[in-house]
Amino acid sequence: EALKAGKQGDDLLKQEYRDKGIHLRTYAEPTLHYISFNMNDDVFG
């Protein structure tokens, strides 16, 4: 529900884990995931 509400940080964790002293860290990683065609292929290249 917290995810759907757009909350941030530790508010995204269930209370039982926050009660255990567990914290959340988030950040955007400069990573691109892609599918690479083999441009030498006779059908798709």
PDB file of all heavy atoms in Angstrom:
ATOM      1  N   GLU A   1       0.829  -1.206   0.000  1.00  0.00           N
ATOM      2  CA  GLU A   1       0.000   0.000   0.000  1.00  0.00           C
ATOM      3  C   GLU A   1       0.864   1.257   0.000  1.00  0.00           C
ATOM      4  O   GLU A   1       0.529   2.253  -0.645  1.00  0.00           O
ATOM      5  CB  GLU A   1      -0.926  -0.008   1.218  1.00  0.00           C
ATOM      6  CG  GLU A   1      -1.976  -1.105   1.198  1.00  0.00           C
ATOM      7  CD  GLU A   1      -2.853  -1.031  -0.052  1.00  0.00           C
ATOM      8  OE1 GLU A   1      -3.247   0.100  -0.425  1.00  0.00           O
ATOM      9  OE2 GLU A   1      -3.124  -2.082  -0.649  1.00  0.00           O
ATOM     10  N   ALA A   2       1.989   1.212   0.711  1.00  0.00           N
ATOM     11  CA  ALA A   2       2.893   2.354   0.737  1.00  0.00           C
ATOM     12  C   ALA A   2       3.521   2.584  -0.630  1.00  0.00           C
ATOM     13  O   ALA A   2       3.728   3.722  -1.064  1.00  0.00           O
ATOM     14  CB  ALA A   2       3.984   2.144   1.792  1.00  0.00           C
ATOM     15  N   LEU A   3       3.808   1.486  -1.330  1.00  0.00           N
ATOM     16  CA  LEU A   3       4.352   1.599  -2.691  1.00  0.00           C
ATOM     17  C   LEU A   3       3.346   2.271  -3.613  1.00  0.00           C
ATOM     18  O   LEU A   3       3.689   3.169  -4.385  1.00  0.00           O
ATOM     19  CB  LEU A   3       4.717   0.216  -3.227  1.00  0.00           C
ATOM     20  CG  LEU A   3       5.997  -0.425  -2.687  1.00  0.00           C
ATOM     21  CD1 LEU A   3       6.047  -1.896  -3.063  1.00  0.00           C
ATOM     22  CD2 LEU A   3       7.221   0.294  -3.246  1.00  0.00           C
ATOM     23  N   LYS A   4       2.084   1.829  -3.527  1.00  0.00           N
ATOM     24  CA  LYS A   4       1.042   2.412  -4.370  1.00  0.00           C
ATOM     25  C   LYS A   4       0.834   3.892  -4.049  1.00  0.00           C
ATOM     26  O   LYS A   4       0.529   4.694  -4.936  1.00  0.00           O
ATOM     27  CB  LYS A   4      -0.272   1.657  -4.172  1.00  0.00           C
ATOM     28  CG  LYS A   4      -0.257   0.233  -4.692  1.00  0.00           C
ATOM     29  CD  LYS A   4      -1.589  -0.461  -4.406  1.00  0.00           C
ATOM     30  CE  LYS A   4      -1.569  -1.909  -4.865  1.00  0.00           C
ATOM     31  NZ  LYS A   4      -2.851  -2.602  -4.537  1.00  0.00           N
ATOM     32  N   ALA A   5       1.017   4.259  -2.791  1.00  0.00           N
ATOM     33  CA  ALA A   5       0.805   5.646  -2.364  1.00  0.00           C
ATOM     34  C   ALA A   5       1.987   6.545  -2.699  1.00  0.00           C
ATOM     35  O   ALA A   5       1.925   7.756  -2.474  1.00  0.00           O
ATOM     36  CB  ALA A   5       0.535   5.681  -0.863  1.00  0.00           C
ATOM     37  N   GLY A   6       3.072   5.937  -3.224  1.00  0.00           N
ATOM     38  CA  GLY A   6       4.227   6.737  -3.613  1.00  0.00           C
ATOM     39  C   GLY A   6       5.080   7.210  -2.454  1.00  0.00           C
ATOM     40  O   GLY A   6       5.801   8.204  -2.575  1.00  0.00           O
ATOM     41  N   LYS A   7       5.018   6.508  -1.332  1.00  0.00           N
ATOM     42  CA  LYS A   7       5.835   6.903  -0.184  1.00  0.00           C
ATOM     43  C   LYS A   7       7.311   6.621  -0.476  1.00  0.00           C
ATOM     44  O   LYS A   7       7.655   5.912  -1.425  1.00  0.00           O
ATOM     45  CB  LYS A   7       5.369   6.178   1.076  1.00  0.00           C
ATOM     46  CG  LYS A   7       3.972   6.606   1.523  1.00  0.00           C
ATOM     47  CD  LYS A   7       3.596   5.972   2.853  1.00  0.00           C
ATOM     48  CE  LYS A   7       2.218   6.462   3.311  1.00  0.00           C
ATOM     49  NZ  LYS A   7       1.832   5.881   4.619  1.00  0.00           N
ATOM     50  N   GLN A   8       8.195   7.176   0.382  1.00  0.00           N
ATOM     51  CA  GLN A   8       9.622   7.080   0.144  1.00  0.00           C
ATOM     52  C   GLN A   8      10.339   6.558   1.384  1.00  0.00           C
ATOM     53  O   GLN A   8       9.811   6.583   2.501  1.00  0.00           O
ATOM     54  CB  GLN A   8      10.199   8.459  -0.232  1.00  0.00           C
ATOM     55  CG  GLN A   8       9.589   9.095  -1.466  1.00  0.00           C
ATOM     56  CD  GLN A   8       9.914   8.332  -2.733  1.00  0.00           C
ATOM     57  OE1 GLN A   8      11.016   7.824  -2.902  1.00  0.00           O
ATOM     58  NE2 GLN A   8       8.941   8.246  -3.633  1.00  0.00           N
ATOM     59  N   GLY A   9      11.567   6.087   1.187  1.00  0.00           N
ATOM     60  CA  GLY A   9      12.443   5.710   2.280  1.00  0.00           C
ATOM     61  C   GLY A   9      11.880   4.607   3.150  1.00  0.00           C
ATOM     62  O   GLY A   9      11.202   3.688   2.676  1.00  0.00           O
ATOM     63  N   ASP A  10      12.149   4.698   4.449  1.00  0.00           N
ATOM     64  CA  ASP A  10      11.737   3.648   5.383  1.00  0.00           C
ATOM     65  C   ASP A  10      10.224   3.460   5.430  1.00  0.00           C
ATOM     66  O   ASP A  10       9.741   2.400   5.852  1.00  0.00           O
ATOM     67  CB  ASP A  10      12.246   3.969   6.788  1.00  0.00           C
ATOM     68  CG  ASP A  10      13.758   3.838   6.896  1.00  0.00           C
ATOM     69  OD1 ASP A  10      14.373   3.326   5.947  1.00  0.00           O
ATOM     70  OD2 ASP A  10      14.313   4.266   7.927  1.00  0.00           O
ATOM     71  N   ASP A  11       9.456   4.457   5.015  1.00  0.00           N
ATOM     72  CA  ASP A  11       7.992   4.339   5.013  1.00  0.00           C
ATOM     73  C   ASP A  11       7.508   3.250   4.065  1.00  0.00           C
ATOM     74  O   ASP A  11       6.349   2.836   4.137  1.00  0.00           O
ATOM     75  CB  ASP A  11       7.347   5.673   4.629  1.00  0.00           C
ATOM     76  CG  ASP A  11       7.493   6.723   5.725  1.00  0.00           C
ATOM     77  OD1 ASP A  11       7.723   6.325   6.889  1.00  0.00           O
ATOM     78  OD2 ASP A  11       7.374   7.919   5.423  1.00  0.00           O
ATOM     79  N   LEU A  12       8.394   2.783   3.173  1.00  0.00           N
ATOM     80  CA  LEU A  12       8.020   1.721   2.240  1.00  0.00           C
ATOM     81  C   LEU A  12       8.142   0.336   2.874  1.00  0.00           C
ATOM     82  O   LEU A  12       7.661  -0.642   2.308  1.00  0.00           O
ATOM     83  CB  LEU A  12       8.910   1.785   0.986  1.00  0.00           C
ATOM     84  CG  LEU A  12       8.697   2.994   0.074  1.00  0.00           C
ATOM     85  CD1 LEU A  12       9.747   3.014  -1.028  1.00  0.00           C
ATOM     86  CD2 LEU A  12       7.302   2.963  -0.547  1.00  0.00           C
ATOM     87  N   LEU A  13       8.787   0.250   4.026  1.00  0.00           N
ATOM     88  CA  LEU A  13       8.974  -1.036   4.688  1.00  0.00           C
ATOM     89  C   LEU A  13       7.780  -1.378   5.572  1.00  0.00           C
ATOM     90  O   LEU A  13       7.156  -0.494   6.158  1.00  0.00           O
ATOM     91  CB  LEU A  13      10.233  -1.011   5.549  1.00  0.00           C
ATOM     92  CG  LEU A  13      11.569  -0.830   4.827  1.00  0.00           C
ATOM     93  CD1 LEU A  13      12.696  -0.705   5.838  1.00  0.00           C
ATOM     94  CD2 LEU A  13      11.830  -1.983   3.880  1.00  0.00           C
ATOM     95  N   LYS A  14       7.494  -2.667   5.689  1.00  0.00           N
ATOM     96  CA  LYS A  14       6.472  -3.101   6.631  1.00  0.00           C
ATOM     97  C   LYS A  14       6.924  -2.768   8.048  1.00  0.00           C
ATOM     98  O   LYS A  14       8.123  -2.788   8.361  1.00  0.00           O
ATOM     99  CB  LYS A  14       6.233  -4.606   6.489  1.00  0.00           C
ATOM    100  CG  LYS A  14       5.585  -5.002   5.172  1.00  0.00           C
ATOM    101  CD  LYS A  14       5.424  -6.516   5.060  1.00  0.00           C
ATOM    102  CE  LYS A  14       4.796  -6.898   3.717  1.00  0.00           C
ATOM    103  NZ  LYS A  14       4.705  -8.374   3.560  1.00  0.00           N
ATOM    104  N   GLN A  15       5.969  -2.485   8.902  1.00  0.00           N
ATOM    105  CA  GLN A  15       6.284  -2.015  10.252  1.00  0.00           C
ATOM    106  C   GLN A  15       7.146  -3.016  11.015  1.00  0.00           C
ATOM    107  O   GLN A  15       8.032  -2.632  11.785  1.00  0.00           O
ATOM    108  CB  GLN A  15       4.986  -1.748  11.010  1.00  0.00           C
ATOM    109  CG  GLN A  15       5.198  -1.080  12.369  1.00  0.00           C
ATOM    110  CD  GLN A  15       5.801   0.310  12.236  1.00  0.00           C
ATOM    111  OE1 GLN A  15       5.331   1.124  11.450  1.00  0.00           O
ATOM    112  NE2 GLN A  15       6.865   0.569  12.992  1.00  0.00           N
ATOM    113  N   GLU A  16       6.921  -4.302  10.803  1.00  0.00           N
ATOM    114  CA  GLU A  16       7.665  -5.306  11.568  1.00  0.00           C
ATOM    115  C   GLU A  16       9.164  -5.235  11.300  1.00  0.00           C
ATOM    116  O   GLU A  16       9.981  -5.530  12.193  1.00  0.00           O
ATOM    117  CB  GLU A  16       7.147  -6.710  11.239  1.00  0.00           C
ATOM    118  CG  GLU A  16       7.318  -7.118   9.785  1.00  0.00           C
ATOM    119  CD  GLU A  16       6.713  -8.474   9.483  1.00  0.00           C
ATOM    120  OE1 GLU A  16       7.313  -9.492   9.874  1.00  0.00           O
ATOM    121  OE2 GLU A  16       5.624  -8.502   8.856  1.00  0.00           O
ATOM    122  N   TYR A  17       9.542  -4.803  10.094  1.00  0.00           N
ATOM    123  CA  TYR A  17      10.965  -4.702   9.779  1.00  0.00           C
ATOM    124  C   TYR A  17      11.540  -3.376  10.262  1.00  0.00           C
ATOM    125  O   TYR A  17      12.706  -3.309  10.682  1.00  0.00           O
ATOM    126  CB  TYR A  17      11.181  -4.893   8.281  1.00  0.00           C
ATOM    127  CG  TYR A  17      10.789  -6.280   7.840  1.00  0.00           C
ATOM    128  CD1 TYR A  17       9.549  -6.517   7.229  1.00  0.00           C
ATOM    129  CD2 TYR A  17      11.613  -7.368   8.087  1.00  0.00           C
ATOM    130  CE1 TYR A  17       9.164  -7.799   6.869  1.00  0.00           C
ATOM    131  CE2 TYR A  17      11.239  -8.654   7.723  1.00  0.00           C
ATOM    132  CZ  TYR A  17      10.017  -8.865   7.115  1.00  0.00           C
ATOM    133  OH  TYR A  17       9.640 -10.131   6.782  1.00  0.00           O
ATOM    134  N   ARG A  18      10.731  -2.332  10.216  1.00  0.00           N
ATOM    135  CA  ARG A  18      11.189  -1.064  10.785  1.00  0.00           C
ATOM    136  C   ARG A  18      11.415  -1.209  12.291  1.00  0.00           C
ATOM    137  O   ARG A  18      12.356  -0.643  12.842  1.00  0.00           O
ATOM    138  CB  ARG A  18      10.164   0.040  10.509  1.00  0.00           C
ATOM    139  CG  ARG A  18      10.212   0.569   9.079  1.00  0.00           C
ATOM    140  CD  ARG A  18       9.283   1.744   8.896  1.00  0.00           C
ATOM    141  NE  ARG A  18       7.916   1.328   8.608  1.00  0.00           N
ATOM    142  CZ  ARG A  18       6.868   2.128   8.597  1.00  0.00           C
ATOM    143  NH1 ARG A  18       7.014   3.402   8.923  1.00  0.00           N
ATOM    144  NH2 ARG A  18       5.673   1.685   8.307  1.00  0.00           N
ATOM    145  N   ASP A  19      10.556  -2.006  12.940  1.00  0.00           N
ATOM    146  CA  ASP A  19      10.697  -2.229  14.377  1.00  0.00           C
ATOM    147  C   ASP A  19      11.999  -2.973  14.703  1.00  0.00           C
ATOM    148  O   ASP A  19      12.484  -2.899  15.845  1.00  0.00           O
ATOM    149  CB  ASP A  19       9.506  -3.021  14.923  1.00  0.00           C
ATOM    150  CG  ASP A  19       8.211  -2.214  14.894  1.00  0.00           C
ATOM    151  OD1 ASP A  19       8.287  -0.979  14.768  1.00  0.00           O
ATOM    152  OD2 ASP A  19       7.124  -2.833  14.980  1.00  0.00           O
ATOM    153  N   LYS A  20      12.546  -3.683  13.749  1.00  0.00           N
ATOM    154  CA  LYS A  20      13.800  -4.404  13.962  1.00  0.00           C
ATOM    155  C   LYS A  20      15.021  -3.537  13.672  1.00  0.00           C
ATOM    156  O   LYS A  20      16.160  -4.023  13.718  1.00  0.00           O
ATOM    157  CB  LYS A  20      13.847  -5.642  13.058  1.00  0.00           C
ATOM    158  CG  LYS A  20      12.797  -6.698  13.383  1.00  0.00           C
ATOM    159  CD  LYS A  20      12.893  -7.870  12.419  1.00  0.00           C
ATOM    160  CE  LYS A  20      11.844  -8.930  12.734  1.00  0.00           C
ATOM    161  NZ  LYS A  20      11.922 -10.080  11.771  1.00  0.00           N
ATOM    162  N   GLY A  21      14.806  -2.251  13.363  1.00  0.00           N
ATOM    163  CA  GLY A  21      15.922  -1.369  13.069  1.00  0.00           C
ATOM    164  C   GLY A  21      16.474  -1.525  11.678  1.00  0.00           C
ATOM    165  O   GLY A  21      17.648  -1.224  11.422  1.00  0.00           O
ATOM    166  N   ILE A  22      15.632  -1.985  10.755  1.00  0.00           N
ATOM    167  CA  ILE A  22      16.040  -2.151   9.360  1.00  0.00           C
ATOM    168  C   ILE A  22      15.627  -0.912   8.573  1.00  0.00           C
ATOM    169  O   ILE A  22      14.519  -0.398   8.740  1.00  0.00           O
ATOM    170  CB  ILE A  22      15.416  -3.423   8.754  1.00  0.00           C
ATOM    171  CG1 ILE A  22      16.008  -4.665   9.442  1.00  0.00           C
ATOM    172  CG2 ILE A  22      15.629  -3.486   7.257  1.00  0.00           C
ATOM    173  CD1 ILE A  22      15.392  -5.967   8.998  1.00  0.00           C
ATOM    174  N   HIS A  23      16.525  -0.445   7.732  1.00  0.00           N
ATOM    175  CA  HIS A  23      16.293   0.761   6.939  1.00  0.00           C
ATOM    176  C   HIS A  23      16.393   0.433   5.444  1.00  0.00           C
ATOM    177  O   HIS A  23      16.972  -0.584   5.050  1.00  0.00           O
ATOM    178  CB  HIS A  23      17.306   1.845   7.296  1.00  0.00           C
ATOM    179  CG  HIS A  23      17.263   2.255   8.735  1.00  0.00           C
ATOM    180  ND1 HIS A  23      16.377   3.204   9.212  1.00  0.00           N
ATOM    181  CD2 HIS A  23      17.985   1.833   9.808  1.00  0.00           C
ATOM    182  CE1 HIS A  23      16.564   3.366  10.507  1.00  0.00           C
ATOM    183  NE2 HIS A  23      17.536   2.541  10.895  1.00  0.00           N
ATOM    184  N   LEU A  24      15.846   1.336   4.626  1.00  0.00           N
ATOM    185  CA  LEU A  24      15.841   1.167   3.177  1.00  0.00           C
ATOM    186  C   LEU A  24      16.611   2.299   2.517  1.00  0.00           C
ATOM    187  O   LEU A  24      16.448   3.462   2.859  1.00  0.00           O
ATOM    188  CB  LEU A  24      14.398   1.155   2.656  1.00  0.00           C
ATOM    189  CG  LEU A  24      14.222   1.096   1.132  1.00  0.00           C
ATOM    190  CD1 LEU A  24      14.678  -0.267   0.602  1.00  0.00           C
ATOM    191  CD2 LEU A  24      12.770   1.359   0.747  1.00  0.00           C
ATOM    192  N   ARG A  25      17.467   1.917   1.556  1.00  0.00           N
ATOM    193  CA  ARG A  25      18.181   2.913   0.750  1.00  0.00           C
ATOM    194  C   ARG A  25      17.842   2.655  -0.717  1.00  0.00           C
ATOM    195  O   ARG A  25      17.902   1.517  -1.188  1.00  0.00           O
ATOM    196  CB  ARG A  25      19.686   2.802   0.975  1.00  0.00           C
ATOM    197  CG  ARG A  25      20.518   3.753   0.122  1.00  0.00           C
ATOM    198  CD  ARG A  25      22.002   3.603   0.403  1.00  0.00           C
ATOM    199  NE  ARG A  25      22.361   4.195   1.673  1.00  0.00           N
ATOM    200  CZ  ARG A  25      22.990   3.560   2.648  1.00  0.00           C
ATOM    201  NH1 ARG A  25      23.300   2.288   2.505  1.00  0.00           N
ATOM    202  NH2 ARG A  25      23.304   4.174   3.767  1.00  0.00           N
ATOM    203  N   THR A  26      17.454   3.688  -1.453  1.00  0.00           N
ATOM    204  CA  THR A  26      17.137   3.553  -2.873  1.00  0.00           C
ATOM    205  C   THR A  26      17.901   4.600  -3.669  1.00  0.00           C
ATOM    206  O   THR A  26      18.169   5.695  -3.178  1.00  0.00           O
ATOM    207  CB  THR A  26      15.630   3.734  -3.137  1.00  0.00           C
ATOM    208  OG1 THR A  26      15.253   5.073  -2.796  1.00  0.00           O
ATOM    209  CG2 THR A  26      14.806   2.759  -2.323  1.00  0.00           C
ATOM    210  N   TYR A  27      18.246   4.242  -4.888  1.00  0.00           N
ATOM    211  CA  TYR A  27      18.867   5.209  -5.799  1.00  0.00           C
ATOM    212  C   TYR A  27      18.783   4.692  -7.225  1.00  0.00           C
ATOM    213  O   TYR A  27      18.662   3.487  -7.464  1.00  0.00           O
ATOM    214  CB  TYR A  27      20.319   5.490  -5.407  1.00  0.00           C
ATOM    215  CG  TYR A  27      21.257   4.298  -5.503  1.00  0.00           C
ATOM    216  CD1 TYR A  27      22.007   4.055  -6.656  1.00  0.00           C
ATOM    217  CD2 TYR A  27      21.406   3.420  -4.428  1.00  0.00           C
ATOM    218  CE1 TYR A  27      22.867   2.972  -6.727  1.00  0.00           C
ATOM    219  CE2 TYR A  27      22.261   2.344  -4.499  1.00  0.00           C
ATOM    220  CZ  TYR A  27      22.999   2.123  -5.651  1.00  0.00           C
ATOM    221  OH  TYR A  27      23.846   1.048  -5.726  1.00  0.00           O
ATOM    222  N   ALA A  28      18.795   5.623  -8.152  1.00  0.00           N
ATOM    223  CA  ALA A  28      18.767   5.272  -9.573  1.00  0.00           C
ATOM    224  C   ALA A  28      20.172   4.886 -10.016  1.00  0.00           C
ATOM    225  O   ALA A  28      21.130   5.620  -9.786  1.00  0.00           O
ATOM    226  CB  ALA A  28      18.257   6.451 -10.397  1.00  0.00           C
ATOM    227  N   GLU A  29      20.292   3.724 -10.627  1.00  0.00           N
ATOM    228  CA  GLU A  29      21.585   3.268 -11.125  1.00  0.00           C
ATOM    229  C   GLU A  29      21.689   3.613 -12.614  1.00  0.00           C
ATOM    230  O   GLU A  29      20.747   3.371 -13.369  1.00  0.00           O
ATOM    231  CB  GLU A  29      21.720   1.753 -10.927  1.00  0.00           C
ATOM    232  CG  GLU A  29      23.078   1.211 -11.315  1.00  0.00           C
ATOM    233  CD  GLU A  29      23.163  -0.288 -11.104  1.00  0.00           C
ATOM    234  OE1 GLU A  29      22.351  -1.015 -11.707  1.00  0.00           O
ATOM    235  OE2 GLU A  29      24.031  -0.741 -10.348  1.00  0.00           O
ATOM    236  N   PRO A  30      22.812   4.176 -13.059  1.00  0.00           N
ATOM    237  CA  PRO A  30      22.957   4.539 -14.482  1.00  0.00           C
ATOM    238  C   PRO A  30      23.202   3.296 -15.339  1.00  0.00           C
ATOM    239  O   PRO A  30      24.275   3.096 -15.910  1.00  0.00           O
ATOM    240  CB  PRO A  30      24.165   5.481 -14.472  1.00  0.00           C
ATOM    241  CG  PRO A  30      24.988   5.014 -13.315  1.00  0.00           C
ATOM    242  CD  PRO A  30      23.998   4.559 -12.266  1.00  0.00           C
ATOM    243  N   THR A  31      22.197   2.452 -15.385  1.00  0.00           N
ATOM    244  CA  THR A  31      22.281   1.173 -16.089  1.00  0.00           C
ATOM    245  C   THR A  31      21.203   1.107 -17.164  1.00  0.00           C
ATOM    246  O   THR A  31      20.062   1.503 -16.925  1.00  0.00           O
ATOM    247  CB  THR A  31      22.074   0.002 -15.107  1.00  0.00           C
ATOM    248  OG1 THR A  31      23.106   0.019 -14.131  1.00  0.00           O
ATOM    249  CG2 THR A  31      22.084  -1.331 -15.827  1.00  0.00           C
ATOM    250  N   LEU A  32      21.560   0.605 -18.319  1.00  0.00           N
ATOM    251  CA  LEU A  32      20.585   0.385 -19.387  1.00  0.00           C
ATOM    252  C   LEU A  32      20.525  -1.104 -19.681  1.00  0.00           C
ATOM    253  O   LEU A  32      21.546  -1.735 -19.978  1.00  0.00           O
ATOM    254  CB  LEU A  32      20.976   1.159 -20.648  1.00  0.00           C
ATOM    255  CG  LEU A  32      20.063   0.954 -21.864  1.00  0.00           C
ATOM    256  CD1 LEU A  32      18.637   1.406 -21.553  1.00  0.00           C
ATOM    257  CD2 LEU A  32      20.601   1.702 -23.081  1.00  0.00           C
ATOM    258  N   HIS A  33      19.332  -1.671 -19.573  1.00  0.00           N
ATOM    259  CA  HIS A  33      19.084  -3.065 -19.932  1.00  0.00           C
ATOM    260  C   HIS A  33      18.454  -3.076 -21.319  1.00  0.00           C
ATOM    261  O   HIS A  33      17.518  -2.328 -21.590  1.00  0.00           O
ATOM    262  CB  HIS A  33      18.140  -3.689 -18.888  1.00  0.00           C
ATOM    263  CG  HIS A  33      17.687  -5.073 -19.220  1.00  0.00           C
ATOM    264  ND1 HIS A  33      16.523  -5.610 -18.728  1.00  0.00           N
ATOM    265  CD2 HIS A  33      18.240  -6.046 -20.002  1.00  0.00           C
ATOM    266  CE1 HIS A  33      16.369  -6.835 -19.180  1.00  0.00           C
ATOM    267  NE2 HIS A  33      17.387  -7.125 -19.957  1.00  0.00           N
ATOM    268  N   TYR A  34      18.962  -3.913 -22.207  1.00  0.00           N
ATOM    269  CA  TYR A  34      18.476  -3.923 -23.585  1.00  0.00           C
ATOM    270  C   TYR A  34      18.682  -5.300 -24.206  1.00  0.00           C
ATOM    271  O   TYR A  34      19.418  -6.142 -23.682  1.00  0.00           O
ATOM    272  CB  TYR A  34      19.193  -2.859 -24.417  1.00  0.00           C
ATOM    273  CG  TYR A  34      20.705  -2.985 -24.436  1.00  0.00           C
ATOM    274  CD1 TYR A  34      21.370  -3.698 -25.431  1.00  0.00           C
ATOM    275  CD2 TYR A  34      21.478  -2.389 -23.443  1.00  0.00           C
ATOM    276  CE1 TYR A  34      22.747  -3.823 -25.439  1.00  0.00           C
ATOM    277  CE2 TYR A  34      22.856  -2.500 -23.441  1.00  0.00           C
ATOM    278  CZ  TYR A  34      23.491  -3.216 -24.431  1.00  0.00           C
ATOM    279  OH  TYR A  34      24.861  -3.339 -24.423  1.00  0.00           O
ATOM    280  N   ILE A  35      18.023  -5.523 -25.323  1.00  0.00           N
ATOM    281  CA  ILE A  35      18.245  -6.713 -26.145  1.00  0.00           C
ATOM    282  C   ILE A  35      19.007  -6.263 -27.382  1.00  0.00           C
ATOM    283  O   ILE A  35      18.584  -5.339 -28.083  1.00  0.00           O
ATOM    284  CB  ILE A  35      16.923  -7.382 -26.538  1.00  0.00           C
ATOM    285  CG1 ILE A  35      16.201  -7.887 -25.288  1.00  0.00           C
ATOM    286  CG2 ILE A  35      17.162  -8.537 -27.510  1.00  0.00           C
ATOM    287  CD1 ILE A  35      14.778  -8.336 -25.555  1.00  0.00           C
ATOM    288  N   SER A  36      20.133  -6.908 -27.624  1.00  0.00           N
ATOM    289  CA  SER A  36      21.018  -6.525 -28.718  1.00  0.00           C
ATOM    290  C   SER A  36      20.860  -7.515 -29.870  1.00  0.00           C
ATOM    291  O   SER A  36      21.101  -8.713 -29.704  1.00  0.00           O
ATOM    292  CB  SER A  36      22.465  -6.511 -28.204  1.00  0.00           C
ATOM    293  OG  SER A  36      23.376  -6.289 -29.243  1.00  0.00           O
ATOM    294  N   PHE A  37      20.419  -7.027 -31.012  1.00  0.00           N
ATOM    295  CA  PHE A  37      20.322  -7.892 -32.188  1.00  0.00           C
ATOM    296  C   PHE A  37      21.717  -8.139 -32.774  1.00  0.00           C
ATOM    297  O   PHE A  37      22.570  -7.243 -32.755  1.00  0.00           O
ATOM    298  CB  PHE A  37      19.451  -7.258 -33.270  1.00  0.00           C
ATOM    299  CG  PHE A  37      17.990  -7.198 -32.946  1.00  0.00           C
ATOM    300  CD1 PHE A  37      17.396  -5.996 -32.588  1.00  0.00           C
ATOM    301  CD2 PHE A  37      17.203  -8.338 -32.982  1.00  0.00           C
ATOM    302  CE1 PHE A  37      16.056  -5.935 -32.281  1.00  0.00           C
ATOM    303  CE2 PHE A  37      15.854  -8.284 -32.677  1.00  0.00           C
ATOM    304  CZ  PHE A  37      15.279  -7.076 -32.325  1.00  0.00           C
ATOM    305  N   ASN A  38      21.937  -9.315 -33.308  1.00  0.00           N
ATOM    306  CA  ASN A  38      23.150  -9.585 -34.069  1.00  0.00           C
ATOM    307  C   ASN A  38      22.924  -9.068 -35.487  1.00  0.00           C
ATOM    308  O   ASN A  38      22.205  -9.684 -36.271  1.00  0.00           O
ATOM    309  CB  ASN A  38      23.452 -11.084 -34.081  1.00  0.00           C
ATOM    310  CG  ASN A  38      24.719 -11.422 -34.853  1.00  0.00           C
ATOM    311  OD1 ASN A  38      25.357 -10.548 -35.448  1.00  0.00           O
ATOM    312  ND2 ASN A  38      25.091 -12.693 -34.858  1.00  0.00           N
ATOM    313  N   MET A  39      23.528  -7.931 -35.801  1.00  0.00           N
ATOM    314  CA  MET A  39      23.270  -7.297 -37.098  1.00  0.00           C
ATOM    315  C   MET A  39      23.879  -8.064 -38.270  1.00  0.00           C
ATOM    316  O   MET A  39      23.670  -7.707 -39.423  1.00  0.00           O
ATOM    317  CB  MET A  39      23.787  -5.862 -37.077  1.00  0.00           C
ATOM    318  CG  MET A  39      23.082  -4.971 -36.060  1.00  0.00           C
ATOM    319  SD  MET A  39      21.325  -4.769 -36.384  1.00  0.00           S
ATOM    320  CE  MET A  39      21.367  -3.610 -37.768  1.00  0.00           C
ATOM    321  N   ASN A  40      24.613  -9.135 -37.990  1.00  0.00           N
ATOM    322  CA  ASN A  40      25.132 -10.004 -39.057  1.00  0.00           C
ATOM    323  C   ASN A  40      24.177 -11.149 -39.373  1.00  0.00           C
ATOM    324  O   ASN A  40      24.423 -11.921 -40.309  1.00  0.00           O
ATOM    325  CB  ASN A  40      26.496 -10.577 -38.654  1.00  0.00           C
ATOM    326  CG  ASN A  40      27.577  -9.515 -38.562  1.00  0.00           C
ATOM    327  OD1 ASN A  40      27.592  -8.573 -39.351  1.00  0.00           O
ATOM    328  ND2 ASN A  40      28.489  -9.660 -37.610  1.00  0.00           N
ATOM    329  N   ASP A  41      23.100 -11.257 -38.628  1.00  0.00           N
ATOM    330  CA  ASP A  41      22.160 -12.359 -38.815  1.00  0.00           C
ATOM    331  C   ASP A  41      21.409 -12.209 -40.137  1.00  0.00           C
ATOM    332  O   ASP A  41      21.000 -11.110 -40.520  1.00  0.00           O
ATOM    333  CB  ASP A  41      21.167 -12.396 -37.650  1.00  0.00           C
ATOM    334  CG  ASP A  41      20.196 -13.547 -37.756  1.00  0.00           C
ATOM    335  OD1 ASP A  41      20.635 -14.702 -37.627  1.00  0.00           O
ATOM    336  OD2 ASP A  41      18.989 -13.292 -37.966  1.00  0.00           O
ATOM    337  N   ASP A  42      21.198 -13.327 -40.820  1.00  0.00           N
ATOM    338  CA  ASP A  42      20.562 -13.297 -42.136  1.00  0.00           C
ATOM    339  C   ASP A  42      19.083 -12.938 -42.083  1.00  0.00           C
ATOM    340  O   ASP A  42      18.520 -12.480 -43.093  1.00  0.00           O
ATOM    341  CB  ASP A  42      20.715 -14.663 -42.830  1.00  0.00           C
ATOM    342  CG  ASP A  42      22.156 -14.949 -43.232  1.00  0.00           C
ATOM    343  OD1 ASP A  42      22.920 -13.976 -43.394  1.00  0.00           O
ATOM    344  OD2 ASP A  42      22.514 -16.138 -43.363  1.00  0.00           O
ATOM    345  N   VAL A  43      18.433 -13.155 -40.929  1.00  0.00           N
ATOM    346  CA  VAL A  43      16.998 -12.891 -40.827  1.00  0.00           C
ATOM    347  C   VAL A  43      16.720 -11.540 -40.184  1.00  0.00           C
ATOM    348  O   VAL A  43      15.923 -10.748 -40.693  1.00  0.00           O
ATOM    349  CB  VAL A  43      16.294 -14.012 -40.043  1.00  0.00           C
ATOM    350  CG1 VAL A  43      14.793 -13.701 -39.885  1.00  0.00           C
ATOM    351  CG2 VAL A  43      16.483 -15.354 -40.743  1.00  0.00           C
ATOM    352  N   PHE A  44      17.365 -11.251 -39.058  1.00  0.00           N
ATOM    353  CA  PHE A  44      17.080 -10.025 -38.302  1.00  0.00           C
ATOM    354  C   PHE A  44      18.136  -8.940 -38.497  1.00  0.00           C
ATOM    355  O   PHE A  44      17.946  -7.818 -38.044  1.00  0.00           O
ATOM    356  CB  PHE A  44      16.971 -10.345 -36.809  1.00  0.00           C
ATOM    357  CG  PHE A  44      15.647 -10.924 -36.417  1.00  0.00           C
ATOM    358  CD1 PHE A  44      15.391 -12.277 -36.582  1.00  0.00           C
ATOM    359  CD2 PHE A  44      14.644 -10.117 -35.893  1.00  0.00           C
ATOM    360  CE1 PHE A  44      14.169 -12.818 -36.233  1.00  0.00           C
ATOM    361  CE2 PHE A  44      13.412 -10.653 -35.537  1.00  0.00           C
ATOM    362  CZ  PHE A  44      13.174 -12.007 -35.703  1.00  0.00           C
ATOM    363  N   GLY A  45      19.221  -9.242 -39.175  1.00  0.00           N
ATOM    364  CA  GLY A  45      20.321  -8.304 -39.294  1.00  0.00           C
ATOM    365  C   GLY A  45      20.354  -7.526 -40.597  1.00  0.00           C
ATOM    366  O   GLY A  45      19.405  -7.526 -41.392  1.00  0.00           O
TER     367      GLY A  45
END
